[in-house]
Amino acid sequence: MRSARLEAALDSGALVLPESGTIAVLRPRAGDDLSALPKDRLLVVQGFKPDHDHFAARGYRVATEAGEGHAAVLVCLSRSKAEARALLAEAAKAPLAIVDGQKTDGIDSIMKELRARGEVSDAVIKAHGKLFTFAADVSDWAAQPTEVEGFRTVPGVFSADGPDRGSVLLAAALPKLKGRVIDLGAGWGYLSRAALERGAKSVDVVEAEAAALDCARANLPAETCSFHWADALSWKPLGLAAHVVCNPPFHTTREADPALGMAFVKAAARMLASDGTLWLVANRHLPYRDTLAATFREHEEIAGDSAFRVIRATGPIKERRA
């Protein structure tokens, strides 16, 4: 979809790239085809570890932050409006600022907002999305850290406005914890701090989004926490843990994907000692019961409300090696 718009814009002359200089591409996702652009001049800017590694494995120069001095910047629009605005503020610093996105990403409303602030080119419309260039003063959209209930967050990270309901329920249900804890998909560190307050000796903070992990570093004590920028599904701890706390994501697109949360449950089981415990919060409608039964010797609901259930699962069933 993105490649179709890029090719159409370049072929028609609606988009003319500068003859030299770096072209930064902000937040493309794994599967985005960037072959219409000159690979030797591209800098892919992506802080989500699986997507970052996807482009790195294909020979692209990759970074987690854009920096400055680019000849052109292409924004791959985010569904988060706060993050999208922050990305556009980065792009507006370049001589050529380009934005591309699907209708479901809010491209129409972003185009309207940019028109109210400056100049916007005619859009290339293709594959249920639009691509256009803009020149506007959007410096006030730049990402600014905020303090929420004593935690630092930034636009675009999960639950940037404060701890989500599920995490609050899980934190309240945690008993006294002993030994080492892994916070799997830790975000900006809410559950990690709760684990420390319940007596955890140390916490491995595992998070795939670099911006969220940077917040966690600011929110948590370095002397008792280890920070890992990693895909939770493939990360391997140096040793097995006594506990895993987890509020797993369940979206890869706009639709719920229960398989993602189930994969977190299986990953947690691999990281736990034989008598270890998983403390999990999940939306009630998600079908995790069979996965929990196949992965742990015991599991039970210990708290919750009408929307969420908090689960304690003990005794991970280790996968047999072939």
C-alpha atoms as a PDB file:
ATOM      1  CA  MET A   1       0.000   0.000   0.000  1.00  0.00           C
ATOM      2  CA  ARG A   2       2.719   2.454   0.994  1.00  0.00           C
ATOM      3  CA  SER A   3       4.903   1.344  -1.902  1.00  0.00           C
ATOM      4  CA  ALA A   4       2.060   1.889  -4.377  1.00  0.00           C
ATOM      5  CA  ARG A   5       1.680   5.512  -3.282  1.00  0.00           C
ATOM      6  CA  LEU A   6       5.427   6.134  -3.264  1.00  0.00           C
ATOM      7  CA  GLU A   7       5.831   4.710  -6.763  1.00  0.00           C
ATOM      8  CA  ALA A   8       2.857   6.661  -8.092  1.00  0.00           C
ATOM      9  CA  ALA A   9       4.090   9.912  -6.535  1.00  0.00           C
ATOM     10  CA  LEU A  10       7.632   9.511  -7.888  1.00  0.00           C
ATOM     11  CA  ASP A  11       6.519   8.348 -11.338  1.00  0.00           C
ATOM     12  CA  SER A  12       4.054  11.219 -11.747  1.00  0.00           C
ATOM     13  CA  GLY A  13       6.420  13.899 -10.476  1.00  0.00           C
ATOM     14  CA  ALA A  14       4.117  14.709  -7.569  1.00  0.00           C
ATOM     15  CA  LEU A  15       7.073  13.858  -5.325  1.00  0.00           C
ATOM     16  CA  VAL A  16      10.565  14.963  -6.334  1.00  0.00           C
ATOM     17  CA  LEU A  17      13.309  13.881  -3.981  1.00  0.00           C
ATOM     18  CA  PRO A  18      16.386  16.060  -3.402  1.00  0.00           C
ATOM     19  CA  GLU A  19      19.411  14.969  -5.431  1.00  0.00           C
ATOM     20  CA  SER A  20      21.597  14.425  -2.387  1.00  0.00           C
ATOM     21  CA  GLY A  21      21.363  14.051   1.354  1.00  0.00           C
ATOM     22  CA  THR A  22      19.792  11.598   3.768  1.00  0.00           C
ATOM     23  CA  ILE A  23      16.126  10.651   3.523  1.00  0.00           C
ATOM     24  CA  ALA A  24      14.797   9.696   6.948  1.00  0.00           C
ATOM     25  CA  VAL A  25      11.781   7.381   7.060  1.00  0.00           C
ATOM     26  CA  LEU A  26       9.999   7.637  10.395  1.00  0.00           C
ATOM     27  CA  ARG A  27       8.205   4.607  11.857  1.00  0.00           C
ATOM     28  CA  PRO A  28       7.767   2.251   8.905  1.00  0.00           C
ATOM     29  CA  ARG A  29       6.459  -1.158   9.906  1.00  0.00           C
ATOM     30  CA  ALA A  30       7.752  -4.598   9.015  1.00  0.00           C
ATOM     31  CA  GLY A  31       6.300  -5.411   5.624  1.00  0.00           C
ATOM     32  CA  ASP A  32       6.441  -1.838   4.319  1.00  0.00           C
ATOM     33  CA  ASP A  33       8.156  -1.841   0.938  1.00  0.00           C
ATOM     34  CA  LEU A  34      10.610   1.066   0.702  1.00  0.00           C
ATOM     35  CA  SER A  35      12.254  -0.083  -2.537  1.00  0.00           C
ATOM     36  CA  ALA A  36      10.970   2.954  -4.447  1.00  0.00           C
ATOM     37  CA  LEU A  37      13.395   5.080  -2.424  1.00  0.00           C
ATOM     38  CA  PRO A  38      17.218   5.145  -2.822  1.00  0.00           C
ATOM     39  CA  LYS A  39      18.351   2.615  -0.228  1.00  0.00           C
ATOM     40  CA  ASP A  40      21.865   4.009   0.073  1.00  0.00           C
ATOM     41  CA  ARG A  41      20.450   7.348   1.251  1.00  0.00           C
ATOM     42  CA  LEU A  42      17.800   6.047   3.636  1.00  0.00           C
ATOM     43  CA  LEU A  43      17.802   6.173   7.408  1.00  0.00           C
ATOM     44  CA  VAL A  44      14.982   4.076   8.834  1.00  0.00           C
ATOM     45  CA  VAL A  45      13.928   5.475  12.214  1.00  0.00           C
ATOM     46  CA  GLN A  46      12.094   2.856  14.241  1.00  0.00           C
ATOM     47  CA  GLY A  47      12.096   2.282  17.998  1.00  0.00           C
ATOM     48  CA  PHE A  48       9.926  -0.848  18.020  1.00  0.00           C
ATOM     49  CA  LYS A  49      12.464  -3.671  18.237  1.00  0.00           C
ATOM     50  CA  PRO A  50      10.840  -6.241  15.915  1.00  0.00           C
ATOM     51  CA  ASP A  51      10.347  -3.637  13.171  1.00  0.00           C
ATOM     52  CA  HIS A  52      13.805  -2.156  13.795  1.00  0.00           C
ATOM     53  CA  ASP A  53      15.382  -5.603  13.391  1.00  0.00           C
ATOM     54  CA  HIS A  54      13.293  -6.315  10.284  1.00  0.00           C
ATOM     55  CA  PHE A  55      14.825  -3.398   8.394  1.00  0.00           C
ATOM     56  CA  ALA A  56      18.310  -3.922   9.822  1.00  0.00           C
ATOM     57  CA  ALA A  57      18.256  -7.526   8.587  1.00  0.00           C
ATOM     58  CA  ARG A  58      17.496  -6.228   5.086  1.00  0.00           C
ATOM     59  CA  GLY A  59      20.528  -4.004   5.019  1.00  0.00           C
ATOM     60  CA  TYR A  60      18.949  -0.651   5.860  1.00  0.00           C
ATOM     61  CA  ARG A  61      20.685   1.864   8.094  1.00  0.00           C
ATOM     62  CA  VAL A  62      18.476   1.995  11.180  1.00  0.00           C
ATOM     63  CA  ALA A  63      18.252   4.248  14.244  1.00  0.00           C
ATOM     64  CA  THR A  64      15.826   4.780  17.105  1.00  0.00           C
ATOM     65  CA  GLU A  65      15.921   8.581  16.850  1.00  0.00           C
ATOM     66  CA  ALA A  66      15.852  10.793  13.761  1.00  0.00           C
ATOM     67  CA  GLY A  67      18.374  13.453  14.630  1.00  0.00           C
ATOM     68  CA  GLU A  68      18.605  16.457  12.292  1.00  0.00           C
ATOM     69  CA  GLY A  69      20.164  17.551   9.024  1.00  0.00           C
ATOM     70  CA  HIS A  70      18.165  15.326   6.659  1.00  0.00           C
ATOM     71  CA  ALA A  71      17.371  16.435   3.114  1.00  0.00           C
ATOM     72  CA  ALA A  72      13.908  14.897   3.365  1.00  0.00           C
ATOM     73  CA  VAL A  73      11.785  13.163   5.973  1.00  0.00           C
ATOM     74  CA  LEU A  74       8.938  10.755   5.270  1.00  0.00           C
ATOM     75  CA  VAL A  75       6.455  10.160   8.091  1.00  0.00           C
ATOM     76  CA  CYS A  76       4.681   6.807   8.070  1.00  0.00           C
ATOM     77  CA  LEU A  77       1.619   7.944   9.943  1.00  0.00           C
ATOM     78  CA  SER A  78       0.884   6.451  13.357  1.00  0.00           C
ATOM     79  CA  ARG A  79      -2.610   5.651  14.598  1.00  0.00           C
ATOM     80  CA  SER A  80      -1.764   7.512  17.797  1.00  0.00           C
ATOM     81  CA  LYS A  81      -2.589  11.148  17.092  1.00  0.00           C
ATOM     82  CA  ALA A  82      -0.140  12.407  19.707  1.00  0.00           C
ATOM     83  CA  GLU A  83       2.661  10.334  18.220  1.00  0.00           C
ATOM     84  CA  ALA A  84       1.667  11.330  14.670  1.00  0.00           C
ATOM     85  CA  ARG A  85       1.894  15.003  15.561  1.00  0.00           C
ATOM     86  CA  ALA A  86       5.290  14.490  17.183  1.00  0.00           C
ATOM     87  CA  LEU A  87       6.570  12.738  14.051  1.00  0.00           C
ATOM     88  CA  LEU A  88       5.267  15.560  11.854  1.00  0.00           C
ATOM     89  CA  ALA A  89       7.071  18.089  14.046  1.00  0.00           C
ATOM     90  CA  GLU A  90      10.293  16.153  13.373  1.00  0.00           C
ATOM     91  CA  ALA A  91       9.617  16.046   9.639  1.00  0.00           C
ATOM     92  CA  ALA A  92       8.849  19.763   9.431  1.00  0.00           C
ATOM     93  CA  LYS A  93      12.489  20.554  10.283  1.00  0.00           C
ATOM     94  CA  ALA A  94      13.623  19.142   6.926  1.00  0.00           C
ATOM     95  CA  PRO A  95      13.584  21.020   3.585  1.00  0.00           C
ATOM     96  CA  LEU A  96      11.150  18.386   2.270  1.00  0.00           C
ATOM     97  CA  ALA A  97       8.518  16.932   4.621  1.00  0.00           C
ATOM     98  CA  ILE A  98       6.367  14.042   3.385  1.00  0.00           C
ATOM     99  CA  VAL A  99       3.557  12.199   5.094  1.00  0.00           C
ATOM    100  CA  ASP A 100       1.930   8.935   4.072  1.00  0.00           C
ATOM    101  CA  GLY A 101      -0.893   7.044   5.720  1.00  0.00           C
ATOM    102  CA  GLN A 102      -4.050   5.041   5.405  1.00  0.00           C
ATOM    103  CA  LYS A 103      -7.514   6.458   5.983  1.00  0.00           C
ATOM    104  CA  THR A 104      -7.704   4.240   9.057  1.00  0.00           C
ATOM    105  CA  ASP A 105      -4.579   5.990  10.368  1.00  0.00           C
ATOM    106  CA  GLY A 106      -6.336   9.356  10.311  1.00  0.00           C
ATOM    107  CA  ILE A 107      -4.585  10.762   7.252  1.00  0.00           C
ATOM    108  CA  ASP A 108      -7.589  12.924   6.291  1.00  0.00           C
ATOM    109  CA  SER A 109      -7.798  14.696   9.646  1.00  0.00           C
ATOM    110  CA  ILE A 110      -4.028  15.234   9.723  1.00  0.00           C
ATOM    111  CA  MET A 111      -4.157  16.737   6.228  1.00  0.00           C
ATOM    112  CA  LYS A 112      -6.912  19.115   7.339  1.00  0.00           C
ATOM    113  CA  GLU A 113      -4.920  20.198  10.397  1.00  0.00           C
ATOM    114  CA  LEU A 114      -1.779  20.807   8.350  1.00  0.00           C
ATOM    115  CA  ARG A 115      -3.694  22.873   5.787  1.00  0.00           C
ATOM    116  CA  ALA A 116      -4.854  25.144   8.613  1.00  0.00           C
ATOM    117  CA  ARG A 117      -1.233  25.763   9.571  1.00  0.00           C
ATOM    118  CA  GLY A 118       0.602  26.026   6.248  1.00  0.00           C
ATOM    119  CA  GLU A 119       0.948  24.646   2.750  1.00  0.00           C
ATOM    120  CA  VAL A 120      -0.052  21.147   1.694  1.00  0.00           C
ATOM    121  CA  SER A 121       0.486  19.642  -1.746  1.00  0.00           C
ATOM    122  CA  ASP A 122      -2.139  17.802  -3.751  1.00  0.00           C
ATOM    123  CA  ALA A 123      -2.370  14.273  -2.397  1.00  0.00           C
ATOM    124  CA  VAL A 124      -1.526  11.106  -4.264  1.00  0.00           C
ATOM    125  CA  ILE A 125      -4.519   8.923  -3.453  1.00  0.00           C
ATOM    126  CA  LYS A 126      -4.081   5.189  -3.813  1.00  0.00           C
ATOM    127  CA  ALA A 127      -4.704   1.937  -1.925  1.00  0.00           C
ATOM    128  CA  HIS A 128      -7.060   3.528   0.627  1.00  0.00           C
ATOM    129  CA  GLY A 129      -4.523   6.148   1.664  1.00  0.00           C
ATOM    130  CA  LYS A 130      -2.840   9.407   0.785  1.00  0.00           C
ATOM    131  CA  LEU A 131       0.679  10.769   0.363  1.00  0.00           C
ATOM    132  CA  PHE A 132       1.505  14.472   0.265  1.00  0.00           C
ATOM    133  CA  THR A 133       4.144  17.025   1.198  1.00  0.00           C
ATOM    134  CA  PHE A 134       3.697  19.906   3.598  1.00  0.00           C
ATOM    135  CA  ALA A 135       5.381  23.055   4.897  1.00  0.00           C
ATOM    136  CA  ALA A 136       3.902  24.259   8.176  1.00  0.00           C
ATOM    137  CA  ASP A 137       4.913  25.460  11.605  1.00  0.00           C
ATOM    138  CA  VAL A 138       4.046  22.531  13.867  1.00  0.00           C
ATOM    139  CA  SER A 139       6.829  23.036  16.385  1.00  0.00           C
ATOM    140  CA  ASP A 140       4.260  22.982  19.191  1.00  0.00           C
ATOM    141  CA  TRP A 141       3.498  19.363  18.238  1.00  0.00           C
ATOM    142  CA  ALA A 142       6.988  18.199  19.228  1.00  0.00           C
ATOM    143  CA  ALA A 143       7.036  15.335  21.703  1.00  0.00           C
ATOM    144  CA  GLN A 144       7.262  16.497  25.301  1.00  0.00           C
ATOM    145  CA  PRO A 145       7.687  14.166  28.267  1.00  0.00           C
ATOM    146  CA  THR A 146       4.900  14.391  30.815  1.00  0.00           C
ATOM    147  CA  GLU A 147       4.599  13.362  34.459  1.00  0.00           C
ATOM    148  CA  VAL A 148       1.619  11.163  35.315  1.00  0.00           C
ATOM    149  CA  GLU A 149       1.157   9.980  38.899  1.00  0.00           C
ATOM    150  CA  GLY A 150       4.891  10.189  39.459  1.00  0.00           C
ATOM    151  CA  PHE A 151       5.809   8.434  36.198  1.00  0.00           C
ATOM    152  CA  ARG A 152       7.395   9.876  33.100  1.00  0.00           C
ATOM    153  CA  THR A 153       5.672   9.108  29.783  1.00  0.00           C
ATOM    154  CA  VAL A 154       5.899  10.385  26.204  1.00  0.00           C
ATOM    155  CA  PRO A 155       3.387  10.568  23.329  1.00  0.00           C
ATOM    156  CA  GLY A 156       2.846   7.326  21.451  1.00  0.00           C
ATOM    157  CA  VAL A 157       3.729   4.848  24.193  1.00  0.00           C
ATOM    158  CA  PHE A 158       0.999   2.558  25.478  1.00  0.00           C
ATOM    159  CA  SER A 159      -1.260   4.249  28.041  1.00  0.00           C
ATOM    160  CA  ALA A 160       0.691   7.511  27.915  1.00  0.00           C
ATOM    161  CA  ASP A 161      -2.005   9.310  29.928  1.00  0.00           C
ATOM    162  CA  GLY A 162      -1.575   7.100  32.983  1.00  0.00           C
ATOM    163  CA  PRO A 163      -1.678   3.471  34.118  1.00  0.00           C
ATOM    164  CA  ASP A 164      -4.335   1.483  32.301  1.00  0.00           C
ATOM    165  CA  ARG A 165      -7.129  -0.211  34.171  1.00  0.00           C
ATOM    166  CA  GLY A 166      -5.766  -3.720  33.743  1.00  0.00           C
ATOM    167  CA  SER A 167      -2.331  -2.838  35.106  1.00  0.00           C
ATOM    168  CA  VAL A 168      -3.880  -1.133  38.123  1.00  0.00           C
ATOM    169  CA  LEU A 169      -5.891  -4.277  38.897  1.00  0.00           C
ATOM    170  CA  LEU A 170      -2.836  -6.500  38.532  1.00  0.00           C
ATOM    171  CA  ALA A 171      -0.660  -4.259  40.705  1.00  0.00           C
ATOM    172  CA  ALA A 172      -3.292  -4.235  43.445  1.00  0.00           C
ATOM    173  CA  ALA A 173      -3.526  -8.036  43.379  1.00  0.00           C
ATOM    174  CA  LEU A 174       0.205  -8.732  43.732  1.00  0.00           C
ATOM    175  CA  PRO A 175       1.191 -10.335  47.035  1.00  0.00           C
ATOM    176  CA  LYS A 176       4.588 -10.084  48.681  1.00  0.00           C
ATOM    177  CA  LEU A 177       7.152 -11.118  46.091  1.00  0.00           C
ATOM    178  CA  LYS A 178      10.536 -12.699  46.734  1.00  0.00           C
ATOM    179  CA  GLY A 179      13.443 -13.130  44.390  1.00  0.00           C
ATOM    180  CA  ARG A 180      13.856 -12.025  40.821  1.00  0.00           C
ATOM    181  CA  VAL A 181      10.939 -10.719  38.762  1.00  0.00           C
ATOM    182  CA  ILE A 182      10.592 -10.251  35.001  1.00  0.00           C
ATOM    183  CA  ASP A 183       8.205  -7.565  33.760  1.00  0.00           C
ATOM    184  CA  LEU A 184       7.387  -8.770  30.280  1.00  0.00           C
ATOM    185  CA  GLY A 185       6.270  -5.972  27.964  1.00  0.00           C
ATOM    186  CA  ALA A 186       6.974  -3.490  30.732  1.00  0.00           C
ATOM    187  CA  GLY A 187       6.058  -0.238  28.996  1.00  0.00           C
ATOM    188  CA  TRP A 188       7.120   2.751  31.089  1.00  0.00           C
ATOM    189  CA  GLY A 189       7.505   0.711  34.244  1.00  0.00           C
ATOM    190  CA  TYR A 190       4.271   0.813  36.229  1.00  0.00           C
ATOM    191  CA  LEU A 191       4.195  -2.911  37.059  1.00  0.00           C
ATOM    192  CA  SER A 192       7.958  -3.022  37.628  1.00  0.00           C
ATOM    193  CA  ARG A 193       7.625  -0.376  40.342  1.00  0.00           C
ATOM    194  CA  ALA A 194       4.696  -2.294  41.850  1.00  0.00           C
ATOM    195  CA  ALA A 195       6.828  -5.465  41.961  1.00  0.00           C
ATOM    196  CA  LEU A 196       9.619  -3.614  43.762  1.00  0.00           C
ATOM    197  CA  GLU A 197       7.134  -2.178  46.249  1.00  0.00           C
ATOM    198  CA  ARG A 198       5.959  -5.761  46.949  1.00  0.00           C
ATOM    199  CA  GLY A 199       9.487  -6.823  47.861  1.00  0.00           C
ATOM    200  CA  ALA A 200      11.048  -8.065  44.609  1.00  0.00           C
ATOM    201  CA  LYS A 201      14.825  -8.357  44.926  1.00  0.00           C
ATOM    202  CA  SER A 202      15.357  -7.249  41.338  1.00  0.00           C
ATOM    203  CA  VAL A 203      13.351  -6.702  38.138  1.00  0.00           C
ATOM    204  CA  ASP A 204      14.236  -7.390  34.535  1.00  0.00           C
ATOM    205  CA  VAL A 205      12.367  -4.706  32.586  1.00  0.00           C
ATOM    206  CA  VAL A 206      11.716  -6.086  29.098  1.00  0.00           C
ATOM    207  CA  GLU A 207      10.176  -3.726  26.544  1.00  0.00           C
ATOM    208  CA  ALA A 208      10.209  -3.625  22.733  1.00  0.00           C
ATOM    209  CA  GLU A 209       9.456   0.098  22.351  1.00  0.00           C
ATOM    210  CA  ALA A 210      12.609   2.168  22.873  1.00  0.00           C
ATOM    211  CA  ALA A 211      10.749   5.333  23.894  1.00  0.00           C
ATOM    212  CA  ALA A 212       8.800   3.458  26.569  1.00  0.00           C
ATOM    213  CA  LEU A 213      11.971   1.808  27.869  1.00  0.00           C
ATOM    214  CA  ASP A 214      13.675   5.208  28.114  1.00  0.00           C
ATOM    215  CA  CYS A 215      10.764   6.311  30.309  1.00  0.00           C
ATOM    216  CA  ALA A 216      11.137   3.159  32.419  1.00  0.00           C
ATOM    217  CA  ARG A 217      14.799   3.998  32.976  1.00  0.00           C
ATOM    218  CA  ALA A 218      13.731   7.383  34.327  1.00  0.00           C
ATOM    219  CA  ASN A 219      10.956   5.870  36.470  1.00  0.00           C
ATOM    220  CA  LEU A 220      12.800   2.974  38.099  1.00  0.00           C
ATOM    221  CA  PRO A 221      15.923   2.570  40.260  1.00  0.00           C
ATOM    222  CA  ALA A 222      18.921   1.390  38.272  1.00  0.00           C
ATOM    223  CA  GLU A 223      20.381  -0.439  41.261  1.00  0.00           C
ATOM    224  CA  THR A 224      17.539  -2.983  41.341  1.00  0.00           C
ATOM    225  CA  CYS A 225      16.420  -3.006  37.706  1.00  0.00           C
ATOM    226  CA  SER A 226      17.972  -4.276  34.482  1.00  0.00           C
ATOM    227  CA  PHE A 227      16.625  -2.783  31.271  1.00  0.00           C
ATOM    228  CA  HIS A 228      16.290  -4.805  28.076  1.00  0.00           C
ATOM    229  CA  TRP A 229      15.258  -3.373  24.704  1.00  0.00           C
ATOM    230  CA  ALA A 230      13.943  -6.595  23.250  1.00  0.00           C
ATOM    231  CA  ASP A 231      11.063  -8.477  21.698  1.00  0.00           C
ATOM    232  CA  ALA A 232       9.445 -10.165  24.698  1.00  0.00           C
ATOM    233  CA  LEU A 233       8.652 -13.243  22.623  1.00  0.00           C
ATOM    234  CA  SER A 234      12.278 -13.991  21.764  1.00  0.00           C
ATOM    235  CA  TRP A 235      14.221 -12.487  24.689  1.00  0.00           C
ATOM    236  CA  LYS A 236      16.123 -15.013  26.797  1.00  0.00           C
ATOM    237  CA  PRO A 237      16.992 -14.239  30.436  1.00  0.00           C
ATOM    238  CA  LEU A 238      20.370 -15.155  31.873  1.00  0.00           C
ATOM    239  CA  GLY A 239      18.601 -17.215  34.523  1.00  0.00           C
ATOM    240  CA  LEU A 240      15.106 -18.366  35.383  1.00  0.00           C
ATOM    241  CA  ALA A 241      12.920 -16.047  37.466  1.00  0.00           C
ATOM    242  CA  ALA A 242      10.680 -16.556  40.467  1.00  0.00           C
ATOM    243  CA  HIS A 243       7.921 -14.391  38.997  1.00  0.00           C
ATOM    244  CA  VAL A 244       6.769 -12.862  35.729  1.00  0.00           C
ATOM    245  CA  VAL A 245       4.312  -9.969  35.731  1.00  0.00           C
ATOM    246  CA  CYS A 246       2.605  -9.251  32.453  1.00  0.00           C
ATOM    247  CA  ASN A 247      -0.099  -7.129  30.875  1.00  0.00           C
ATOM    248  CA  PRO A 248       0.366  -8.417  27.335  1.00  0.00           C
ATOM    249  CA  PRO A 249      -0.703  -6.538  24.224  1.00  0.00           C
ATOM    250  CA  PHE A 250      -3.503  -8.090  22.214  1.00  0.00           C
ATOM    251  CA  HIS A 251      -3.479  -5.947  19.071  1.00  0.00           C
ATOM    252  CA  THR A 252      -1.210  -6.080  16.042  1.00  0.00           C
ATOM    253  CA  THR A 253      -3.719  -4.190  13.900  1.00  0.00           C
ATOM    254  CA  ARG A 254      -7.033  -2.566  14.776  1.00  0.00           C
ATOM    255  CA  GLU A 255      -8.478  -6.042  15.362  1.00  0.00           C
ATOM    256  CA  ALA A 256      -7.827  -8.061  18.518  1.00  0.00           C
ATOM    257  CA  ASP A 257      -5.238 -10.809  18.072  1.00  0.00           C
ATOM    258  CA  PRO A 258      -5.542 -13.301  20.964  1.00  0.00           C
ATOM    259  CA  ALA A 259      -2.563 -15.268  19.615  1.00  0.00           C
ATOM    260  CA  LEU A 260      -0.261 -12.419  20.647  1.00  0.00           C
ATOM    261  CA  GLY A 261      -1.253 -12.640  24.306  1.00  0.00           C
ATOM    262  CA  MET A 262      -1.043 -16.437  24.185  1.00  0.00           C
ATOM    263  CA  ALA A 263       2.516 -16.119  22.868  1.00  0.00           C
ATOM    264  CA  PHE A 264       3.367 -13.925  25.883  1.00  0.00           C
ATOM    265  CA  VAL A 265       2.006 -16.632  28.208  1.00  0.00           C
ATOM    266  CA  LYS A 266       4.204 -19.261  26.549  1.00  0.00           C
ATOM    267  CA  ALA A 267       7.231 -16.965  26.655  1.00  0.00           C
ATOM    268  CA  ALA A 268       6.658 -16.324  30.363  1.00  0.00           C
ATOM    269  CA  ALA A 269       6.580 -20.061  31.057  1.00  0.00           C
ATOM    270  CA  ARG A 270       9.999 -20.463  29.432  1.00  0.00           C
ATOM    271  CA  MET A 271      11.449 -17.735  31.686  1.00  0.00           C
ATOM    272  CA  LEU A 272      10.172 -19.094  35.001  1.00  0.00           C
ATOM    273  CA  ALA A 273      11.736 -21.526  37.428  1.00  0.00           C
ATOM    274  CA  SER A 274       9.885 -24.813  37.884  1.00  0.00           C
ATOM    275  CA  ASP A 275       8.054 -23.424  40.932  1.00  0.00           C
ATOM    276  CA  GLY A 276       7.690 -19.943  39.455  1.00  0.00           C
ATOM    277  CA  THR A 277       4.511 -17.895  39.093  1.00  0.00           C
ATOM    278  CA  LEU A 278       3.013 -15.835  36.286  1.00  0.00           C
ATOM    279  CA  TRP A 279       0.860 -12.860  37.313  1.00  0.00           C
ATOM    280  CA  LEU A 280      -1.218 -11.923  34.297  1.00  0.00           C
ATOM    281  CA  VAL A 281      -4.011  -9.481  33.497  1.00  0.00           C
ATOM    282  CA  ALA A 282      -6.165  -9.971  30.404  1.00  0.00           C
ATOM    283  CA  ASN A 283      -9.416  -8.756  28.901  1.00  0.00           C
ATOM    284  CA  ARG A 284     -12.229 -11.118  29.851  1.00  0.00           C
ATOM    285  CA  HIS A 285     -13.194 -11.829  26.248  1.00  0.00           C
ATOM    286  CA  LEU A 286      -9.760 -13.206  25.312  1.00  0.00           C
ATOM    287  CA  PRO A 287      -9.589 -17.032  25.161  1.00  0.00           C
ATOM    288  CA  TYR A 288      -6.443 -17.736  27.191  1.00  0.00           C
ATOM    289  CA  ARG A 289      -7.802 -20.621  29.273  1.00  0.00           C
ATOM    290  CA  ASP A 290      -6.590 -23.481  27.049  1.00  0.00           C
ATOM    291  CA  THR A 291      -3.148 -21.943  26.629  1.00  0.00           C
ATOM    292  CA  LEU A 292      -2.798 -21.496  30.389  1.00  0.00           C
ATOM    293  CA  ALA A 293      -3.905 -25.079  31.001  1.00  0.00           C
ATOM    294  CA  ALA A 294      -1.360 -26.396  28.505  1.00  0.00           C
ATOM    295  CA  THR A 295       1.462 -24.195  29.804  1.00  0.00           C
ATOM    296  CA  PHE A 296       1.044 -24.231  33.609  1.00  0.00           C
ATOM    297  CA  ARG A 297       0.150 -26.950  36.088  1.00  0.00           C
ATOM    298  CA  GLU A 298      -2.278 -24.648  37.917  1.00  0.00           C
ATOM    299  CA  HIS A 299      -4.008 -21.385  37.124  1.00  0.00           C
ATOM    300  CA  GLU A 300      -6.799 -19.413  38.741  1.00  0.00           C
ATOM    301  CA  GLU A 301      -8.487 -16.040  38.582  1.00  0.00           C
ATOM    302  CA  ILE A 302      -7.626 -14.068  41.714  1.00  0.00           C
ATOM    303  CA  ALA A 303      -9.091 -10.618  40.950  1.00  0.00           C
ATOM    304  CA  GLY A 304     -10.742  -8.581  38.252  1.00  0.00           C
ATOM    305  CA  ASP A 305     -13.746  -6.564  37.209  1.00  0.00           C
ATOM    306  CA  SER A 306     -16.306  -6.611  34.426  1.00  0.00           C
ATOM    307  CA  ALA A 307     -13.660  -6.052  31.752  1.00  0.00           C
ATOM    308  CA  PHE A 308     -10.464  -7.681  33.071  1.00  0.00           C
ATOM    309  CA  ARG A 309      -9.395 -10.760  34.960  1.00  0.00           C
ATOM    310  CA  VAL A 310      -6.192 -11.133  36.950  1.00  0.00           C
ATOM    311  CA  ILE A 311      -4.721 -14.634  36.786  1.00  0.00           C
ATOM    312  CA  ARG A 312      -2.109 -16.455  38.843  1.00  0.00           C
ATOM    313  CA  ALA A 313      -0.506 -19.366  37.036  1.00  0.00           C
ATOM    314  CA  THR A 314       2.046 -21.584  38.784  1.00  0.00           C
ATOM    315  CA  GLY A 315       4.311 -24.442  37.810  1.00  0.00           C
ATOM    316  CA  PRO A 316       5.318 -23.842  34.185  1.00  0.00           C
ATOM    317  CA  ILE A 317       5.236 -26.949  32.024  1.00  0.00           C
ATOM    318  CA  LYS A 318       8.543 -26.909  30.204  1.00  0.00           C
ATOM    319  CA  GLU A 319       8.621 -27.768  26.526  1.00  0.00           C
ATOM    320  CA  ARG A 320      10.499 -30.956  25.767  1.00  0.00           C
ATOM    321  CA  ARG A 321      13.485 -30.598  23.507  1.00  0.00           C
ATOM    322  CA  ALA A 322      13.522 -32.766  20.421  1.00  0.00           C
END
